[in-house]
């Protein structure tokens, strides 16, 4: 199953009255565990990659693991950048296949945000 965008995922959840689990990952075992746990739940999933995960495993590596899981499990999945530090990181993740990003401007002044 291909990755899906969060907009459609959230619209469907709102319309049908359910929540969507979002889980931060940083290695193969966590990704495997999440997919294994949700495979029979008939539920979508958001995989989140944090700054720490990008430093530990690089987002390109994690995307390969996620795509391998998508070949094995028929689960609707979005991949989200959690707390991107700057525009370049967000752009890199979007270019690398992430379906959504969140830039964290908390280190900047209110005016710069």
PDB file of N, CA and C in Angstrom:
ATOM      1  N   UNK A   1       0.852  -1.178   0.000  1.00  0.00           N
ATOM      2  CA  UNK A   1       0.000   0.000   0.000  1.00  0.00           C
ATOM      3  C   UNK A   1       0.896   1.241   0.000  1.00  0.00           C
ATOM      4  N   UNK A   2       0.594   2.238  -0.842  1.00  0.00           N
ATOM      5  CA  UNK A   2       1.404   3.458  -0.862  1.00  0.00           C
ATOM      6  C   UNK A   2       1.122   4.337   0.358  1.00  0.00           C
ATOM      7  N   UNK A   3       2.045   5.258   0.608  1.00  0.00           N
ATOM      8  CA  UNK A   3       1.821   6.235   1.676  1.00  0.00           C
ATOM      9  C   UNK A   3       0.618   7.104   1.317  1.00  0.00           C
ATOM     10  N   UNK A   4      -0.068   7.587   2.335  1.00  0.00           N
ATOM     11  CA  UNK A   4      -1.207   8.475   2.110  1.00  0.00           C
ATOM     12  C   UNK A   4      -0.990   9.776   2.878  1.00  0.00           C
ATOM     13  N   UNK A   5      -1.661  10.815   2.438  1.00  0.00           N
ATOM     14  CA  UNK A   5      -1.549  12.111   3.100  1.00  0.00           C
ATOM     15  C   UNK A   5      -2.384  12.180   4.369  1.00  0.00           C
ATOM     16  N   UNK A   6      -1.959  13.010   5.287  1.00  0.00           N
ATOM     17  CA  UNK A   6      -2.677  13.130   6.559  1.00  0.00           C
ATOM     18  C   UNK A   6      -3.998  13.879   6.419  1.00  0.00           C
ATOM     19  N   UNK A   7      -4.126  14.754   5.425  1.00  0.00           N
ATOM     20  CA  UNK A   7      -5.374  15.519   5.297  1.00  0.00           C
ATOM     21  C   UNK A   7      -6.562  14.583   5.115  1.00  0.00           C
ATOM     22  N   UNK A   8      -6.459  13.700   4.152  1.00  0.00           N
ATOM     23  CA  UNK A   8      -7.548  12.750   3.908  1.00  0.00           C
ATOM     24  C   UNK A   8      -7.738  11.828   5.115  1.00  0.00           C
ATOM     25  N   UNK A   9      -6.623  11.430   5.720  1.00  0.00           N
ATOM     26  CA  UNK A   9      -6.674  10.554   6.895  1.00  0.00           C
ATOM     27  C   UNK A   9      -7.453  11.224   8.032  1.00  0.00           C
ATOM     28  N   UNK A  10      -7.134  12.502   8.308  1.00  0.00           N
ATOM     29  CA  UNK A  10      -7.813  13.223   9.390  1.00  0.00           C
ATOM     30  C   UNK A  10      -9.282  13.493   9.064  1.00  0.00           C
ATOM     31  N   UNK A  11      -9.560  13.824   7.815  1.00  0.00           N
ATOM     32  CA  UNK A  11     -10.956  14.055   7.421  1.00  0.00           C
ATOM     33  C   UNK A  11     -11.802  12.807   7.657  1.00  0.00           C
ATOM     34  N   UNK A  12     -11.283  11.654   7.275  1.00  0.00           N
ATOM     35  CA  UNK A  12     -12.011  10.402   7.458  1.00  0.00           C
ATOM     36  C   UNK A  12     -12.187  10.076   8.942  1.00  0.00           C
ATOM     37  N   UNK A  13     -11.149  10.310   9.732  1.00  0.00           N
ATOM     38  CA  UNK A  13     -11.233  10.051  11.176  1.00  0.00           C
ATOM     39  C   UNK A  13     -12.275  10.960  11.823  1.00  0.00           C
ATOM     40  N   UNK A  14     -12.288  12.226  11.439  1.00  0.00           N
ATOM     41  CA  UNK A  14     -13.259  13.169  11.995  1.00  0.00           C
ATOM     42  C   UNK A  14     -14.678  12.769  11.612  1.00  0.00           C
ATOM     43  N   UNK A  15     -14.855  12.437  10.350  1.00  0.00           N
ATOM     44  CA  UNK A  15     -16.177  12.051   9.853  1.00  0.00           C
ATOM     45  C   UNK A  15     -16.703  10.800  10.553  1.00  0.00           C
ATOM     46  N   UNK A  16     -15.813   9.852  10.841  1.00  0.00           N
ATOM     47  CA  UNK A  16     -16.232   8.565  11.402  1.00  0.00           C
ATOM     48  C   UNK A  16     -15.977   8.430  12.905  1.00  0.00           C
ATOM     49  N   UNK A  17     -15.492   9.492  13.545  1.00  0.00           N
ATOM     50  CA  UNK A  17     -15.365   9.524  14.997  1.00  0.00           C
ATOM     51  C   UNK A  17     -14.322   8.610  15.600  1.00  0.00           C
ATOM     52  N   UNK A  18     -13.127   8.599  15.041  1.00  0.00           N
ATOM     53  CA  UNK A  18     -12.058   7.802  15.647  1.00  0.00           C
ATOM     54  C   UNK A  18     -10.747   8.585  15.670  1.00  0.00           C
ATOM     55  N   UNK A  19      -9.826   8.137  16.480  1.00  0.00           N
ATOM     56  CA  UNK A  19      -8.509   8.761  16.597  1.00  0.00           C
ATOM     57  C   UNK A  19      -7.502   7.995  15.743  1.00  0.00           C
ATOM     58  N   UNK A  20      -6.382   8.642  15.466  1.00  0.00           N
ATOM     59  CA  UNK A  20      -5.307   8.022  14.692  1.00  0.00           C
ATOM     60  C   UNK A  20      -4.059   7.989  15.561  1.00  0.00           C
ATOM     61  N   UNK A  21      -3.463   6.831  15.676  1.00  0.00           N
ATOM     62  CA  UNK A  21      -2.220   6.703  16.434  1.00  0.00           C
ATOM     63  C   UNK A  21      -1.049   7.272  15.651  1.00  0.00           C
ATOM     64  N   UNK A  22      -0.196   8.024  16.344  1.00  0.00           N
ATOM     65  CA  UNK A  22       1.027   8.567  15.750  1.00  0.00           C
ATOM     66  C   UNK A  22       2.185   8.142  16.641  1.00  0.00           C
ATOM     67  N   UNK A  23       3.169   7.478  16.048  1.00  0.00           N
ATOM     68  CA  UNK A  23       4.241   6.864  16.824  1.00  0.00           C
ATOM     69  C   UNK A  23       5.604   7.292  16.298  1.00  0.00           C
ATOM     70  N   UNK A  24       6.461   7.776  17.195  1.00  0.00           N
ATOM     71  CA  UNK A  24       7.823   8.122  16.816  1.00  0.00           C
ATOM     72  C   UNK A  24       8.661   6.858  16.706  1.00  0.00           C
ATOM     73  N   UNK A  25       9.506   6.823  15.677  1.00  0.00           N
ATOM     74  CA  UNK A  25      10.348   5.650  15.431  1.00  0.00           C
ATOM     75  C   UNK A  25      11.803   6.076  15.277  1.00  0.00           C
ATOM     76  N   UNK A  26      12.709   5.149  15.591  1.00  0.00           N
ATOM     77  CA  UNK A  26      14.123   5.415  15.318  1.00  0.00           C
ATOM     78  C   UNK A  26      14.915   4.173  14.944  1.00  0.00           C
ATOM     79  N   UNK A  27      14.233   3.030  14.806  1.00  0.00           N
ATOM     80  CA  UNK A  27      14.958   1.841  14.364  1.00  0.00           C
ATOM     81  C   UNK A  27      14.001   0.792  13.792  1.00  0.00           C
ATOM     82  N   UNK A  28      14.589  -0.262  13.253  1.00  0.00           N
ATOM     83  CA  UNK A  28      13.819  -1.312  12.599  1.00  0.00           C
ATOM     84  C   UNK A  28      12.865  -2.008  13.551  1.00  0.00           C
ATOM     85  N   UNK A  29      13.314  -2.297  14.752  1.00  0.00           N
ATOM     86  CA  UNK A  29      12.484  -3.048  15.689  1.00  0.00           C
ATOM     87  C   UNK A  29      11.224  -2.281  16.088  1.00  0.00           C
ATOM     88  N   UNK A  30      11.352  -0.988  16.276  1.00  0.00           N
ATOM     89  CA  UNK A  30      10.176  -0.182  16.618  1.00  0.00           C
ATOM     90  C   UNK A  30       9.199  -0.157  15.445  1.00  0.00           C
ATOM     91  N   UNK A  31       9.715   0.028  14.244  1.00  0.00           N
ATOM     92  CA  UNK A  31       8.851   0.039  13.059  1.00  0.00           C
ATOM     93  C   UNK A  31       8.151  -1.305  12.900  1.00  0.00           C
ATOM     94  N   UNK A  32       8.890  -2.395  13.036  1.00  0.00           N
ATOM     95  CA  UNK A  32       8.282  -3.728  12.932  1.00  0.00           C
ATOM     96  C   UNK A  32       7.199  -3.918  13.985  1.00  0.00           C
ATOM     97  N   UNK A  33       7.478  -3.528  15.202  1.00  0.00           N
ATOM     98  CA  UNK A  33       6.514  -3.694  16.289  1.00  0.00           C
ATOM     99  C   UNK A  33       5.229  -2.921  16.056  1.00  0.00           C
ATOM    100  N   UNK A  34       5.352  -1.706  15.561  1.00  0.00           N
ATOM    101  CA  UNK A  34       4.169  -0.884  15.297  1.00  0.00           C
ATOM    102  C   UNK A  34       3.318  -1.514  14.200  1.00  0.00           C
ATOM    103  N   UNK A  35       3.948  -1.895  13.105  1.00  0.00           N
ATOM    104  CA  UNK A  35       3.191  -2.510  12.011  1.00  0.00           C
ATOM    105  C   UNK A  35       2.563  -3.828  12.442  1.00  0.00           C
ATOM    106  N   UNK A  36       3.284  -4.619  13.205  1.00  0.00           N
ATOM    107  CA  UNK A  36       2.751  -5.899  13.674  1.00  0.00           C
ATOM    108  C   UNK A  36       1.545  -5.671  14.593  1.00  0.00           C
ATOM    109  N   UNK A  37       1.619  -4.654  15.431  1.00  0.00           N
ATOM    110  CA  UNK A  37       0.528  -4.383  16.375  1.00  0.00           C
ATOM    111  C   UNK A  37      -0.729  -3.869  15.686  1.00  0.00           C
ATOM    112  N   UNK A  38      -0.569  -3.150  14.602  1.00  0.00           N
ATOM    113  CA  UNK A  38      -1.741  -2.517  13.983  1.00  0.00           C
ATOM    114  C   UNK A  38      -2.295  -3.300  12.796  1.00  0.00           C
ATOM    115  N   UNK A  39      -1.594  -4.318  12.344  1.00  0.00           N
ATOM    116  CA  UNK A  39      -1.969  -5.000  11.098  1.00  0.00           C
ATOM    117  C   UNK A  39      -3.402  -5.511  11.073  1.00  0.00           C
ATOM    118  N   UNK A  40      -3.948  -5.932  12.188  1.00  0.00           N
ATOM    119  CA  UNK A  40      -5.304  -6.484  12.227  1.00  0.00           C
ATOM    120  C   UNK A  40      -6.331  -5.510  12.793  1.00  0.00           C
ATOM    121  N   UNK A  41      -5.973  -4.254  12.943  1.00  0.00           N
ATOM    122  CA  UNK A  41      -6.856  -3.282  13.586  1.00  0.00           C
ATOM    123  C   UNK A  41      -7.723  -2.492  12.616  1.00  0.00           C
ATOM    124  N   UNK A  42      -7.525  -2.647  11.324  1.00  0.00           N
ATOM    125  CA  UNK A  42      -8.284  -1.885  10.337  1.00  0.00           C
ATOM    126  C   UNK A  42      -8.246  -0.393  10.676  1.00  0.00           C
ATOM    127  N   UNK A  43      -7.033   0.110  10.902  1.00  0.00           N
ATOM    128  CA  UNK A  43      -6.853   1.497  11.321  1.00  0.00           C
ATOM    129  C   UNK A  43      -5.652   2.104  10.605  1.00  0.00           C
ATOM    130  N   UNK A  44      -5.714   3.406  10.311  1.00  0.00           N
ATOM    131  CA  UNK A  44      -4.552   4.080   9.734  1.00  0.00           C
ATOM    132  C   UNK A  44      -3.506   4.357  10.804  1.00  0.00           C
ATOM    133  N   UNK A  45      -2.360   4.802  10.347  1.00  0.00           N
ATOM    134  CA  UNK A  45      -1.208   4.953  11.223  1.00  0.00           C
ATOM    135  C   UNK A  45      -0.367   6.126  10.744  1.00  0.00           C
ATOM    136  N   UNK A  46       0.161   6.894  11.698  1.00  0.00           N
ATOM    137  CA  UNK A  46       1.130   7.940  11.371  1.00  0.00           C
ATOM    138  C   UNK A  46       2.456   7.547  12.006  1.00  0.00           C
ATOM    139  N   UNK A  47       3.471   7.409  11.158  1.00  0.00           N
ATOM    140  CA  UNK A  47       4.834   7.170  11.634  1.00  0.00           C
ATOM    141  C   UNK A  47       5.510   8.534  11.702  1.00  0.00           C
ATOM    142  N   UNK A  48       6.066   8.865  12.861  1.00  0.00           N
ATOM    143  CA  UNK A  48       6.730  10.157  13.049  1.00  0.00           C
ATOM    144  C   UNK A  48       8.231   9.947  13.206  1.00  0.00           C
ATOM    145  N   UNK A  49       8.989  10.856  12.615  1.00  0.00           N
ATOM    146  CA  UNK A  49      10.443  10.829  12.713  1.00  0.00           C
ATOM    147  C   UNK A  49      10.871  12.130  13.379  1.00  0.00           C
ATOM    148  N   UNK A  50      11.533  12.011  14.514  1.00  0.00           N
ATOM    149  CA  UNK A  50      11.945  13.179  15.300  1.00  0.00           C
ATOM    150  C   UNK A  50      13.370  13.604  14.947  1.00  0.00           C
ATOM    151  N   UNK A  51      13.795  14.718  15.536  1.00  0.00           N
ATOM    152  CA  UNK A  51      15.170  15.182  15.350  1.00  0.00           C
ATOM    153  C   UNK A  51      16.159  14.130  15.840  1.00  0.00           C
ATOM    154  N   UNK A  52      15.876  13.529  16.984  1.00  0.00           N
ATOM    155  CA  UNK A  52      16.759  12.494  17.521  1.00  0.00           C
ATOM    156  C   UNK A  52      16.852  11.294  16.607  1.00  0.00           C
ATOM    157  N   UNK A  53      15.734  10.888  16.033  1.00  0.00           N
ATOM    158  CA  UNK A  53      15.732   9.741  15.113  1.00  0.00           C
ATOM    159  C   UNK A  53      16.538  10.058  13.863  1.00  0.00           C
ATOM    160  N   UNK A  54      16.420  11.288  13.371  1.00  0.00           N
ATOM    161  CA  UNK A  54      17.186  11.666  12.179  1.00  0.00           C
ATOM    162  C   UNK A  54      18.676  11.663  12.464  1.00  0.00           C
ATOM    163  N   UNK A  55      19.063  12.032  13.677  1.00  0.00           N
ATOM    164  CA  UNK A  55      20.482  11.997  14.036  1.00  0.00           C
ATOM    165  C   UNK A  55      20.965  10.564  14.217  1.00  0.00           C
ATOM    166  N   UNK A  56      20.104   9.723  14.763  1.00  0.00           N
ATOM    167  CA  UNK A  56      20.466   8.334  15.050  1.00  0.00           C
ATOM    168  C   UNK A  56      20.491   7.480  13.790  1.00  0.00           C
ATOM    169  N   UNK A  57      19.458   7.586  12.962  1.00  0.00           N
ATOM    170  CA  UNK A  57      19.307   6.646  11.855  1.00  0.00           C
ATOM    171  C   UNK A  57      19.171   7.304  10.484  1.00  0.00           C
ATOM    172  N   UNK A  58      19.068   8.605  10.413  1.00  0.00           N
ATOM    173  CA  UNK A  58      18.848   9.337   9.171  1.00  0.00           C
ATOM    174  C   UNK A  58      17.465   9.023   8.609  1.00  0.00           C
ATOM    175  N   UNK A  59      16.788  10.058   8.142  1.00  0.00           N
ATOM    176  CA  UNK A  59      15.420   9.833   7.667  1.00  0.00           C
ATOM    177  C   UNK A  59      15.371   8.989   6.401  1.00  0.00           C
ATOM    178  N   UNK A  60      16.427   9.008   5.587  1.00  0.00           N
ATOM    179  CA  UNK A  60      16.433   8.180   4.380  1.00  0.00           C
ATOM    180  C   UNK A  60      16.400   6.694   4.741  1.00  0.00           C
ATOM    181  N   UNK A  61      17.167   6.309   5.736  1.00  0.00           N
ATOM    182  CA  UNK A  61      17.201   4.917   6.192  1.00  0.00           C
ATOM    183  C   UNK A  61      15.837   4.505   6.742  1.00  0.00           C
ATOM    184  N   UNK A  62      15.250   5.357   7.553  1.00  0.00           N
ATOM    185  CA  UNK A  62      13.940   5.041   8.129  1.00  0.00           C
ATOM    186  C   UNK A  62      12.876   4.915   7.042  1.00  0.00           C
ATOM    187  N   UNK A  63      12.952   5.746   6.002  1.00  0.00           N
ATOM    188  CA  UNK A  63      11.980   5.635   4.909  1.00  0.00           C
ATOM    189  C   UNK A  63      12.095   4.284   4.212  1.00  0.00           C
ATOM    190  N   UNK A  64      13.305   3.775   4.053  1.00  0.00           N
ATOM    191  CA  UNK A  64      13.467   2.443   3.449  1.00  0.00           C
ATOM    192  C   UNK A  64      12.805   1.376   4.320  1.00  0.00           C
ATOM    193  N   UNK A  65      12.967   1.479   5.622  1.00  0.00           N
ATOM    194  CA  UNK A  65      12.330   0.519   6.530  1.00  0.00           C
ATOM    195  C   UNK A  65      10.806   0.622   6.463  1.00  0.00           C
ATOM    196  N   UNK A  66      10.299   1.830   6.382  1.00  0.00           N
ATOM    197  CA  UNK A  66       8.845   2.027   6.292  1.00  0.00           C
ATOM    198  C   UNK A  66       8.317   1.446   4.982  1.00  0.00           C
ATOM    199  N   UNK A  67       9.012   1.709   3.878  1.00  0.00           N
ATOM    200  CA  UNK A  67       8.566   1.160   2.593  1.00  0.00           C
ATOM    201  C   UNK A  67       8.632  -0.367   2.585  1.00  0.00           C
ATOM    202  N   UNK A  68       9.636  -0.943   3.225  1.00  0.00           N
ATOM    203  CA  UNK A  68       9.698  -2.409   3.337  1.00  0.00           C
ATOM    204  C   UNK A  68       8.493  -2.928   4.113  1.00  0.00           C
ATOM    205  N   UNK A  69       8.108  -2.228   5.161  1.00  0.00           N
ATOM    206  CA  UNK A  69       6.935  -2.630   5.951  1.00  0.00           C
ATOM    207  C   UNK A  69       5.653  -2.517   5.134  1.00  0.00           C
ATOM    208  N   UNK A  70       5.573  -1.493   4.289  1.00  0.00           N
ATOM    209  CA  UNK A  70       4.380  -1.318   3.457  1.00  0.00           C
ATOM    210  C   UNK A  70       4.220  -2.457   2.448  1.00  0.00           C
ATOM    211  N   UNK A  71       5.332  -3.094   2.076  1.00  0.00           N
ATOM    212  CA  UNK A  71       5.249  -4.255   1.187  1.00  0.00           C
ATOM    213  C   UNK A  71       4.677  -5.468   1.912  1.00  0.00           C
ATOM    214  N   UNK A  72       4.846  -5.516   3.222  1.00  0.00           N
ATOM    215  CA  UNK A  72       4.414  -6.678   4.008  1.00  0.00           C
ATOM    216  C   UNK A  72       3.045  -6.508   4.653  1.00  0.00           C
ATOM    217  N   UNK A  73       2.663  -5.272   4.935  1.00  0.00           N
ATOM    218  CA  UNK A  73       1.428  -5.013   5.681  1.00  0.00           C
ATOM    219  C   UNK A  73       0.520  -4.091   4.880  1.00  0.00           C
ATOM    220  N   UNK A  74      -0.761  -4.418   4.838  1.00  0.00           N
ATOM    221  CA  UNK A  74      -1.753  -3.606   4.135  1.00  0.00           C
ATOM    222  C   UNK A  74      -2.371  -2.615   5.126  1.00  0.00           C
ATOM    223  N   UNK A  75      -1.596  -1.586   5.451  1.00  0.00           N
ATOM    224  CA  UNK A  75      -1.993  -0.602   6.461  1.00  0.00           C
ATOM    225  C   UNK A  75      -1.862   0.794   5.849  1.00  0.00           C
ATOM    226  N   UNK A  76      -2.887   1.655   5.975  1.00  0.00           N
ATOM    227  CA  UNK A  76      -2.748   3.036   5.503  1.00  0.00           C
ATOM    228  C   UNK A  76      -1.785   3.804   6.413  1.00  0.00           C
ATOM    229  N   UNK A  77      -0.727   4.355   5.820  1.00  0.00           N
ATOM    230  CA  UNK A  77       0.332   4.994   6.608  1.00  0.00           C
ATOM    231  C   UNK A  77       0.690   6.357   6.032  1.00  0.00           C
ATOM    232  N   UNK A  78       0.880   7.316   6.933  1.00  0.00           N
ATOM    233  CA  UNK A  78       1.463   8.614   6.609  1.00  0.00           C
ATOM    234  C   UNK A  78       2.783   8.703   7.372  1.00  0.00           C
ATOM    235  N   UNK A  79       3.748   9.437   6.811  1.00  0.00           N
ATOM    236  CA  UNK A  79       5.036   9.634   7.484  1.00  0.00           C
ATOM    237  C   UNK A  79       5.196  11.124   7.755  1.00  0.00           C
ATOM    238  N   UNK A  80       5.419  11.450   9.023  1.00  0.00           N
ATOM    239  CA  UNK A  80       5.432  12.841   9.481  1.00  0.00           C
ATOM    240  C   UNK A  80       6.778  13.201  10.100  1.00  0.00           C
ATOM    241  N   UNK A  81       7.313  14.355   9.719  1.00  0.00           N
ATOM    242  CA  UNK A  81       8.501  14.905  10.369  1.00  0.00           C
ATOM    243  C   UNK A  81       8.055  15.614  11.633  1.00  0.00           C
ATOM    244  N   UNK A  82       8.526  15.158  12.759  1.00  0.00           N
ATOM    245  CA  UNK A  82       8.160  15.715  14.058  1.00  0.00           C
ATOM    246  C   UNK A  82       9.239  16.694  14.510  1.00  0.00           C
ATOM    247  N   UNK A  83       8.906  17.961  14.595  1.00  0.00           N
ATOM    248  CA  UNK A  83       9.811  19.012  15.078  1.00  0.00           C
ATOM    249  C   UNK A  83      11.046  19.195  14.192  1.00  0.00           C
ATOM    250  N   UNK A  84      10.819  19.518  12.914  1.00  0.00           N
ATOM    251  CA  UNK A  84      11.938  19.870  12.044  1.00  0.00           C
ATOM    252  C   UNK A  84      12.538  21.192  12.485  1.00  0.00           C
ATOM    253  N   UNK A  85      13.855  21.248  12.573  1.00  0.00           N
ATOM    254  CA  UNK A  85      14.511  22.444  13.121  1.00  0.00           C
ATOM    255  C   UNK A  85      14.518  23.635  12.174  1.00  0.00           C
ATOM    256  N   UNK A  86      14.510  23.370  10.863  1.00  0.00           N
ATOM    257  CA  UNK A  86      14.579  24.483   9.927  1.00  0.00           C
ATOM    258  C   UNK A  86      13.970  24.097   8.582  1.00  0.00           C
ATOM    259  N   UNK A  87      13.881  25.074   7.706  1.00  0.00           N
ATOM    260  CA  UNK A  87      13.266  24.879   6.398  1.00  0.00           C
ATOM    261  C   UNK A  87      13.979  23.793   5.603  1.00  0.00           C
ATOM    262  N   UNK A  88      15.310  23.789   5.637  1.00  0.00           N
ATOM    263  CA  UNK A  88      16.078  22.833   4.843  1.00  0.00           C
ATOM    264  C   UNK A  88      15.773  21.392   5.248  1.00  0.00           C
ATOM    265  N   UNK A  89      15.663  21.133   6.539  1.00  0.00           N
ATOM    266  CA  UNK A  89      15.339  19.780   7.003  1.00  0.00           C
ATOM    267  C   UNK A  89      13.931  19.398   6.550  1.00  0.00           C
ATOM    268  N   UNK A  90      12.995  20.323   6.687  1.00  0.00           N
ATOM    269  CA  UNK A  90      11.620  20.046   6.246  1.00  0.00           C
ATOM    270  C   UNK A  90      11.583  19.749   4.753  1.00  0.00           C
ATOM    271  N   UNK A  91      12.279  20.552   3.963  1.00  0.00           N
ATOM    272  CA  UNK A  91      12.305  20.336   2.514  1.00  0.00           C
ATOM    273  C   UNK A  91      12.948  19.002   2.175  1.00  0.00           C
ATOM    274  N   UNK A  92      14.035  18.673   2.840  1.00  0.00           N
ATOM    275  CA  UNK A  92      14.709  17.397   2.600  1.00  0.00           C
ATOM    276  C   UNK A  92      13.782  16.219   2.874  1.00  0.00           C
ATOM    277  N   UNK A  93      13.016  16.310   3.936  1.00  0.00           N
ATOM    278  CA  UNK A  93      12.085  15.227   4.277  1.00  0.00           C
ATOM    279  C   UNK A  93      10.944  15.140   3.268  1.00  0.00           C
ATOM    280  N   UNK A  94      10.413  16.283   2.853  1.00  0.00           N
ATOM    281  CA  UNK A  94       9.357  16.274   1.831  1.00  0.00           C
ATOM    282  C   UNK A  94       9.899  15.670   0.534  1.00  0.00           C
ATOM    283  N   UNK A  95      11.089  16.112   0.134  1.00  0.00           N
ATOM    284  CA  UNK A  95      11.708  15.568  -1.076  1.00  0.00           C
ATOM    285  C   UNK A  95      11.984  14.069  -0.934  1.00  0.00           C
ATOM    286  N   UNK A  96      12.188  13.610   0.302  1.00  0.00           N
ATOM    287  CA  UNK A  96      12.466  12.202   0.566  1.00  0.00           C
ATOM    288  C   UNK A  96      11.229  11.342   0.741  1.00  0.00           C
ATOM    289  N   UNK A  97      10.036  11.924   0.576  1.00  0.00           N
ATOM    290  CA  UNK A  97       8.825  11.122   0.604  1.00  0.00           C
ATOM    291  C   UNK A  97       7.929  11.272   1.811  1.00  0.00           C
ATOM    292  N   UNK A  98       8.302  12.115   2.768  1.00  0.00           N
ATOM    293  CA  UNK A  98       7.417  12.331   3.916  1.00  0.00           C
ATOM    294  C   UNK A  98       6.111  12.941   3.422  1.00  0.00           C
ATOM    295  N   UNK A  99       5.004  12.573   4.064  1.00  0.00           N
ATOM    296  CA  UNK A  99       3.703  13.090   3.645  1.00  0.00           C
ATOM    297  C   UNK A  99       3.307  14.346   4.407  1.00  0.00           C
ATOM    298  N   UNK A 100       3.991  14.648   5.515  1.00  0.00           N
ATOM    299  CA  UNK A 100       3.737  15.897   6.245  1.00  0.00           C
ATOM    300  C   UNK A 100       4.959  16.254   7.084  1.00  0.00           C
ATOM    301  N   UNK A 101       5.077  17.535   7.393  1.00  0.00           N
ATOM    302  CA  UNK A 101       6.184  18.012   8.229  1.00  0.00           C
ATOM    303  C   UNK A 101       5.660  19.044   9.216  1.00  0.00           C
ATOM    304  N   UNK A 102       6.383  19.198  10.322  1.00  0.00           N
ATOM    305  CA  UNK A 102       6.085  20.242  11.296  1.00  0.00           C
ATOM    306  C   UNK A 102       7.405  20.926  11.630  1.00  0.00           C
ATOM    307  N   UNK A 103       7.490  22.207  11.318  1.00  0.00           N
ATOM    308  CA  UNK A 103       8.702  22.949  11.651  1.00  0.00           C
ATOM    309  C   UNK A 103       8.576  23.471  13.074  1.00  0.00           C
ATOM    310  N   UNK A 104       9.638  23.348  13.827  1.00  0.00           N
ATOM    311  CA  UNK A 104       9.666  23.800  15.217  1.00  0.00           C
ATOM    312  C   UNK A 104      10.458  25.100  15.282  1.00  0.00           C
ATOM    313  N   UNK A 105       9.744  26.203  15.377  1.00  0.00           N
ATOM    314  CA  UNK A 105      10.388  27.504  15.450  1.00  0.00           C
ATOM    315  C   UNK A 105      10.542  28.019  16.866  1.00  0.00           C
ATOM    316  N   UNK A 106      10.487  27.136  17.851  1.00  0.00           N
ATOM    317  CA  UNK A 106      10.499  27.566  19.252  1.00  0.00           C
ATOM    318  C   UNK A 106      11.804  28.238  19.661  1.00  0.00           C
ATOM    319  N   UNK A 107      12.876  28.022  18.919  1.00  0.00           N
ATOM    320  CA  UNK A 107      14.150  28.673  19.244  1.00  0.00           C
ATOM    321  C   UNK A 107      14.206  30.094  18.689  1.00  0.00           C
ATOM    322  N   UNK A 108      13.216  30.444  17.873  1.00  0.00           N
ATOM    323  CA  UNK A 108      13.181  31.767  17.260  1.00  0.00           C
ATOM    324  C   UNK A 108      12.215  32.678  18.020  1.00  0.00           C
ATOM    325  N   UNK A 109      12.382  33.955  17.804  1.00  0.00           N
ATOM    326  CA  UNK A 109      11.492  34.919  18.449  1.00  0.00           C
ATOM    327  C   UNK A 109      10.078  34.800  17.886  1.00  0.00           C
ATOM    328  N   UNK A 110       9.131  35.343  18.612  1.00  0.00           N
ATOM    329  CA  UNK A 110       7.737  35.337  18.169  1.00  0.00           C
ATOM    330  C   UNK A 110       7.607  36.030  16.812  1.00  0.00           C
ATOM    331  N   UNK A 111       8.335  37.120  16.631  1.00  0.00           N
ATOM    332  CA  UNK A 111       8.263  37.869  15.380  1.00  0.00           C
ATOM    333  C   UNK A 111       8.786  37.051  14.207  1.00  0.00           C
ATOM    334  N   UNK A 112       9.842  36.273  14.428  1.00  0.00           N
ATOM    335  CA  UNK A 112      10.406  35.451  13.356  1.00  0.00           C
ATOM    336  C   UNK A 112       9.508  34.273  13.004  1.00  0.00           C
ATOM    337  N   UNK A 113       8.637  33.900  13.914  1.00  0.00           N
ATOM    338  CA  UNK A 113       7.711  32.807  13.637  1.00  0.00           C
ATOM    339  C   UNK A 113       6.520  33.334  12.890  1.00  0.00           C
TER     340      UNK A 113
END
